[in-house]
């Protein structure tokens, strides 16, 4: 697992990548990504990118210390989201 921290570099048009993935509905959904860096591992080149549209993942640490991502059909999901938003609102 790779973990990074810090601020994202300023967005530049030259660093925007358009990625088109075919979904089950046979429609192509384009995603725009910001290129951050590239690196090599075992002679294979990898690009590190971040989506321009933010993503929200909600997870919960299990008894083994690993994080389980909550699914949108999970009954806990709305309660966890509401608690996070309410706490953030009260801290302002």
N, C-alpha and C. Protein backbone atom coordinates (compact mmCIF):
# COMPACT_ATOMS: atom_id res chain seq x y z
N UNK A 1 0.83 -1.15 0.00
CA UNK A 1 0.00 0.00 0.00
C UNK A 1 0.89 1.24 0.00
N UNK A 2 0.51 2.23 -0.77
CA UNK A 2 1.23 3.49 -0.86
C UNK A 2 0.38 4.57 -0.22
N UNK A 3 0.99 5.34 0.67
CA UNK A 3 0.30 6.44 1.32
C UNK A 3 1.08 7.72 1.05
N UNK A 4 0.36 8.76 0.68
CA UNK A 4 1.00 10.05 0.42
C UNK A 4 0.25 11.12 1.20
N UNK A 5 0.96 12.18 1.53
CA UNK A 5 0.31 13.29 2.21
C UNK A 5 0.87 14.59 1.66
N UNK A 6 0.14 15.66 1.89
CA UNK A 6 0.59 16.97 1.44
C UNK A 6 -0.43 17.62 0.54
N UNK A 7 -0.06 18.75 0.02
CA UNK A 7 -0.94 19.52 -0.84
C UNK A 7 -0.76 19.08 -2.29
N UNK A 8 -1.84 19.16 -3.06
CA UNK A 8 -1.76 18.86 -4.48
C UNK A 8 -1.12 20.05 -5.19
N UNK A 9 -0.36 19.79 -6.25
CA UNK A 9 0.21 20.90 -7.02
C UNK A 9 -0.90 21.67 -7.73
N UNK A 10 -0.62 22.91 -8.13
CA UNK A 10 -1.64 23.67 -8.87
C UNK A 10 -2.07 22.92 -10.13
N UNK A 11 -3.34 23.04 -10.46
CA UNK A 11 -3.88 22.35 -11.63
C UNK A 11 -3.42 23.05 -12.89
N UNK A 12 -2.81 22.30 -13.79
CA UNK A 12 -2.36 22.83 -15.08
C UNK A 12 -3.01 22.01 -16.18
N UNK A 13 -3.45 22.68 -17.23
CA UNK A 13 -4.14 22.01 -18.34
C UNK A 13 -3.30 20.87 -18.92
N UNK A 14 -1.98 21.03 -18.94
CA UNK A 14 -1.10 19.99 -19.51
C UNK A 14 -1.09 18.72 -18.67
N UNK A 15 -1.52 18.80 -17.41
CA UNK A 15 -1.49 17.65 -16.51
C UNK A 15 -2.86 17.00 -16.32
N UNK A 16 -3.82 17.31 -17.18
CA UNK A 16 -5.15 16.70 -17.10
C UNK A 16 -5.22 15.55 -18.09
N UNK A 17 -5.61 14.40 -17.58
CA UNK A 17 -5.75 13.20 -18.39
C UNK A 17 -7.22 12.82 -18.43
N UNK A 18 -7.74 12.53 -19.61
CA UNK A 18 -9.12 12.08 -19.75
C UNK A 18 -9.11 10.56 -19.88
N UNK A 19 -9.82 9.90 -18.99
CA UNK A 19 -9.88 8.44 -18.96
C UNK A 19 -11.31 8.02 -19.25
N UNK A 20 -11.48 7.16 -20.23
CA UNK A 20 -12.81 6.69 -20.58
C UNK A 20 -12.93 5.21 -20.25
N UNK A 21 -13.87 4.89 -19.37
CA UNK A 21 -14.13 3.52 -18.97
C UNK A 21 -15.50 3.10 -19.43
N UNK A 22 -15.60 1.90 -19.94
CA UNK A 22 -16.88 1.39 -20.40
C UNK A 22 -17.60 0.73 -19.23
N UNK A 23 -18.79 1.20 -18.94
CA UNK A 23 -19.58 0.66 -17.84
C UNK A 23 -20.43 -0.50 -18.35
N UNK A 24 -21.16 -1.15 -17.44
CA UNK A 24 -22.03 -2.27 -17.81
C UNK A 24 -23.12 -1.86 -18.78
N UNK A 25 -23.49 -0.58 -18.77
CA UNK A 25 -24.57 -0.10 -19.63
C UNK A 25 -24.11 0.19 -21.04
N UNK A 26 -22.85 -0.12 -21.36
CA UNK A 26 -22.24 0.10 -22.67
C UNK A 26 -22.04 1.58 -22.97
N UNK A 27 -22.24 2.45 -21.99
CA UNK A 27 -21.96 3.86 -22.18
C UNK A 27 -20.55 4.14 -21.68
N UNK A 28 -19.88 5.05 -22.33
CA UNK A 28 -18.54 5.41 -21.91
C UNK A 28 -18.62 6.62 -21.00
N UNK A 29 -18.11 6.46 -19.79
CA UNK A 29 -18.11 7.51 -18.79
C UNK A 29 -16.71 8.12 -18.70
N UNK A 30 -16.50 9.34 -19.22
CA UNK A 30 -15.16 9.93 -19.11
C UNK A 30 -14.89 10.46 -17.71
N UNK A 31 -13.68 10.24 -17.23
CA UNK A 31 -13.22 10.79 -15.96
C UNK A 31 -11.99 11.62 -16.25
N UNK A 32 -11.89 12.77 -15.58
CA UNK A 32 -10.70 13.59 -15.73
C UNK A 32 -9.83 13.42 -14.49
N UNK A 33 -8.55 13.20 -14.74
CA UNK A 33 -7.58 12.97 -13.69
C UNK A 33 -6.46 13.99 -13.80
N UNK A 34 -5.89 14.35 -12.66
CA UNK A 34 -4.72 15.22 -12.64
C UNK A 34 -3.49 14.34 -12.46
N UNK A 35 -2.55 14.42 -13.39
CA UNK A 35 -1.30 13.68 -13.30
C UNK A 35 -0.46 14.31 -12.20
N UNK A 36 0.07 13.48 -11.30
CA UNK A 36 0.89 13.98 -10.20
C UNK A 36 2.36 13.60 -10.36
N UNK A 37 2.62 12.34 -10.67
CA UNK A 37 4.00 11.89 -10.77
C UNK A 37 4.03 10.53 -11.46
N UNK A 38 5.22 10.09 -11.83
CA UNK A 38 5.38 8.74 -12.35
C UNK A 38 6.58 8.11 -11.64
N UNK A 39 6.57 6.78 -11.59
CA UNK A 39 7.67 6.06 -10.95
C UNK A 39 7.77 4.68 -11.59
N UNK A 40 8.91 4.05 -11.36
CA UNK A 40 9.15 2.70 -11.87
C UNK A 40 9.25 1.72 -10.71
N UNK A 41 8.70 0.54 -10.92
CA UNK A 41 8.84 -0.56 -9.99
C UNK A 41 8.98 -1.84 -10.81
N UNK A 42 10.03 -2.57 -10.58
CA UNK A 42 10.31 -3.81 -11.34
C UNK A 42 10.24 -3.56 -12.84
N UNK A 43 10.88 -2.47 -13.28
CA UNK A 43 10.97 -2.09 -14.69
C UNK A 43 9.61 -1.78 -15.32
N UNK A 44 8.58 -1.58 -14.52
CA UNK A 44 7.25 -1.21 -15.01
C UNK A 44 6.99 0.23 -14.60
N UNK A 45 6.57 1.07 -15.55
CA UNK A 45 6.28 2.47 -15.26
C UNK A 45 4.85 2.61 -14.78
N UNK A 46 4.66 3.40 -13.72
CA UNK A 46 3.35 3.69 -13.16
C UNK A 46 3.15 5.19 -13.09
N UNK A 47 1.92 5.64 -13.32
CA UNK A 47 1.56 7.04 -13.16
C UNK A 47 0.68 7.18 -11.93
N UNK A 48 0.92 8.23 -11.17
CA UNK A 48 0.11 8.54 -10.00
C UNK A 48 -0.79 9.72 -10.37
N UNK A 49 -2.10 9.51 -10.29
CA UNK A 49 -3.07 10.52 -10.68
C UNK A 49 -4.14 10.64 -9.60
N UNK A 50 -4.84 11.76 -9.59
CA UNK A 50 -5.95 11.95 -8.67
C UNK A 50 -7.14 12.46 -9.46
N UNK A 51 -8.35 12.03 -9.13
CA UNK A 51 -9.53 12.51 -9.87
C UNK A 51 -9.77 14.00 -9.60
N UNK A 52 -10.24 14.71 -10.62
CA UNK A 52 -10.57 16.12 -10.45
C UNK A 52 -11.86 16.27 -9.64
N UNK A 53 -12.77 15.33 -9.79
CA UNK A 53 -14.00 15.34 -8.99
C UNK A 53 -13.71 14.58 -7.70
N UNK A 54 -14.01 15.19 -6.56
CA UNK A 54 -13.69 14.50 -5.30
C UNK A 54 -14.52 13.24 -5.10
N UNK A 55 -13.92 12.28 -4.43
CA UNK A 55 -14.58 11.04 -4.07
C UNK A 55 -14.68 10.96 -2.56
N UNK A 56 -15.73 10.35 -2.06
CA UNK A 56 -15.89 10.19 -0.63
C UNK A 56 -16.03 8.70 -0.33
N UNK A 57 -15.13 8.20 0.49
CA UNK A 57 -15.20 6.83 0.96
C UNK A 57 -15.37 6.87 2.47
N UNK A 58 -16.30 6.11 2.96
CA UNK A 58 -16.51 6.02 4.40
C UNK A 58 -16.17 4.60 4.81
N UNK A 59 -15.31 4.49 5.81
CA UNK A 59 -14.88 3.18 6.27
C UNK A 59 -14.91 3.10 7.77
N UNK A 60 -14.76 1.90 8.23
CA UNK A 60 -14.76 1.64 9.66
C UNK A 60 -13.65 0.64 9.96
N UNK A 61 -12.87 0.92 11.00
CA UNK A 61 -11.78 0.02 11.37
C UNK A 61 -12.36 -1.23 12.03
N UNK A 62 -11.97 -2.41 11.53
CA UNK A 62 -12.47 -3.65 12.09
C UNK A 62 -11.59 -4.11 13.26
N UNK A 63 -11.91 -5.24 13.85
CA UNK A 63 -11.19 -5.73 15.02
C UNK A 63 -9.74 -6.11 14.71
N UNK A 64 -9.45 -6.38 13.46
CA UNK A 64 -8.09 -6.73 13.05
C UNK A 64 -7.26 -5.49 12.73
N UNK A 65 -7.88 -4.30 12.83
CA UNK A 65 -7.16 -3.05 12.57
C UNK A 65 -7.21 -2.60 11.12
N UNK A 66 -7.87 -3.36 10.27
CA UNK A 66 -7.99 -2.97 8.86
C UNK A 66 -9.26 -2.16 8.68
N UNK A 67 -9.29 -1.36 7.64
CA UNK A 67 -10.46 -0.51 7.38
C UNK A 67 -11.37 -1.19 6.36
N UNK A 68 -12.63 -1.34 6.72
CA UNK A 68 -13.65 -1.87 5.82
C UNK A 68 -14.42 -0.68 5.25
N UNK A 69 -14.50 -0.62 3.93
CA UNK A 69 -15.26 0.44 3.26
C UNK A 69 -16.74 0.11 3.37
N UNK A 70 -17.53 1.08 3.83
CA UNK A 70 -18.98 0.90 3.94
C UNK A 70 -19.59 0.98 2.55
N UNK A 71 -20.49 0.08 2.26
CA UNK A 71 -21.18 0.09 0.98
C UNK A 71 -22.41 0.99 1.09
N UNK A 72 -22.86 1.55 -0.04
CA UNK A 72 -24.00 2.45 0.00
C UNK A 72 -25.29 1.75 0.44
N UNK A 73 -25.34 0.43 0.33
CA UNK A 73 -26.52 -0.29 0.79
C UNK A 73 -26.42 -0.66 2.27
N UNK A 74 -25.28 -0.33 2.87
CA UNK A 74 -25.06 -0.61 4.29
C UNK A 74 -25.96 0.30 5.12
N UNK A 75 -26.67 -0.26 6.09
CA UNK A 75 -27.59 0.52 6.93
C UNK A 75 -26.86 1.58 7.75
N UNK A 76 -25.58 1.37 8.05
CA UNK A 76 -24.81 2.32 8.84
C UNK A 76 -24.41 3.56 8.05
N UNK A 77 -24.37 3.46 6.73
CA UNK A 77 -23.85 4.53 5.89
C UNK A 77 -24.52 5.88 6.14
N UNK A 78 -25.84 6.00 6.09
CA UNK A 78 -26.45 7.31 6.33
C UNK A 78 -26.17 7.85 7.74
N UNK A 79 -26.12 6.98 8.73
CA UNK A 79 -25.86 7.42 10.10
C UNK A 79 -24.43 7.94 10.26
N UNK A 80 -23.48 7.23 9.67
CA UNK A 80 -22.07 7.65 9.75
C UNK A 80 -21.89 8.99 9.04
N UNK A 81 -22.46 9.12 7.85
CA UNK A 81 -22.34 10.35 7.08
C UNK A 81 -22.98 11.52 7.83
N UNK A 82 -24.17 11.30 8.39
CA UNK A 82 -24.85 12.35 9.14
C UNK A 82 -24.01 12.79 10.34
N UNK A 83 -23.42 11.84 11.05
CA UNK A 83 -22.61 12.16 12.22
C UNK A 83 -21.37 12.97 11.82
N UNK A 84 -20.71 12.58 10.73
CA UNK A 84 -19.54 13.31 10.27
C UNK A 84 -19.88 14.74 9.87
N UNK A 85 -20.95 14.90 9.13
CA UNK A 85 -21.35 16.24 8.69
C UNK A 85 -21.80 17.10 9.86
N UNK A 86 -22.52 16.50 10.81
CA UNK A 86 -23.01 17.23 11.97
C UNK A 86 -21.84 17.68 12.84
N UNK A 87 -20.86 16.79 13.06
CA UNK A 87 -19.67 17.15 13.85
C UNK A 87 -18.91 18.29 13.18
N UNK A 88 -18.75 18.22 11.87
CA UNK A 88 -18.03 19.26 11.12
C UNK A 88 -18.77 20.59 11.23
N UNK A 89 -20.10 20.56 11.15
CA UNK A 89 -20.93 21.77 11.25
C UNK A 89 -20.80 22.39 12.63
N UNK A 90 -20.78 21.58 13.67
CA UNK A 90 -20.67 22.09 15.05
C UNK A 90 -19.29 22.67 15.35
N UNK A 91 -18.25 22.19 14.64
CA UNK A 91 -16.90 22.69 14.88
C UNK A 91 -16.63 24.02 14.20
N UNK A 92 -17.51 24.46 13.32
CA UNK A 92 -17.31 25.73 12.62
C UNK A 92 -17.69 26.91 13.44
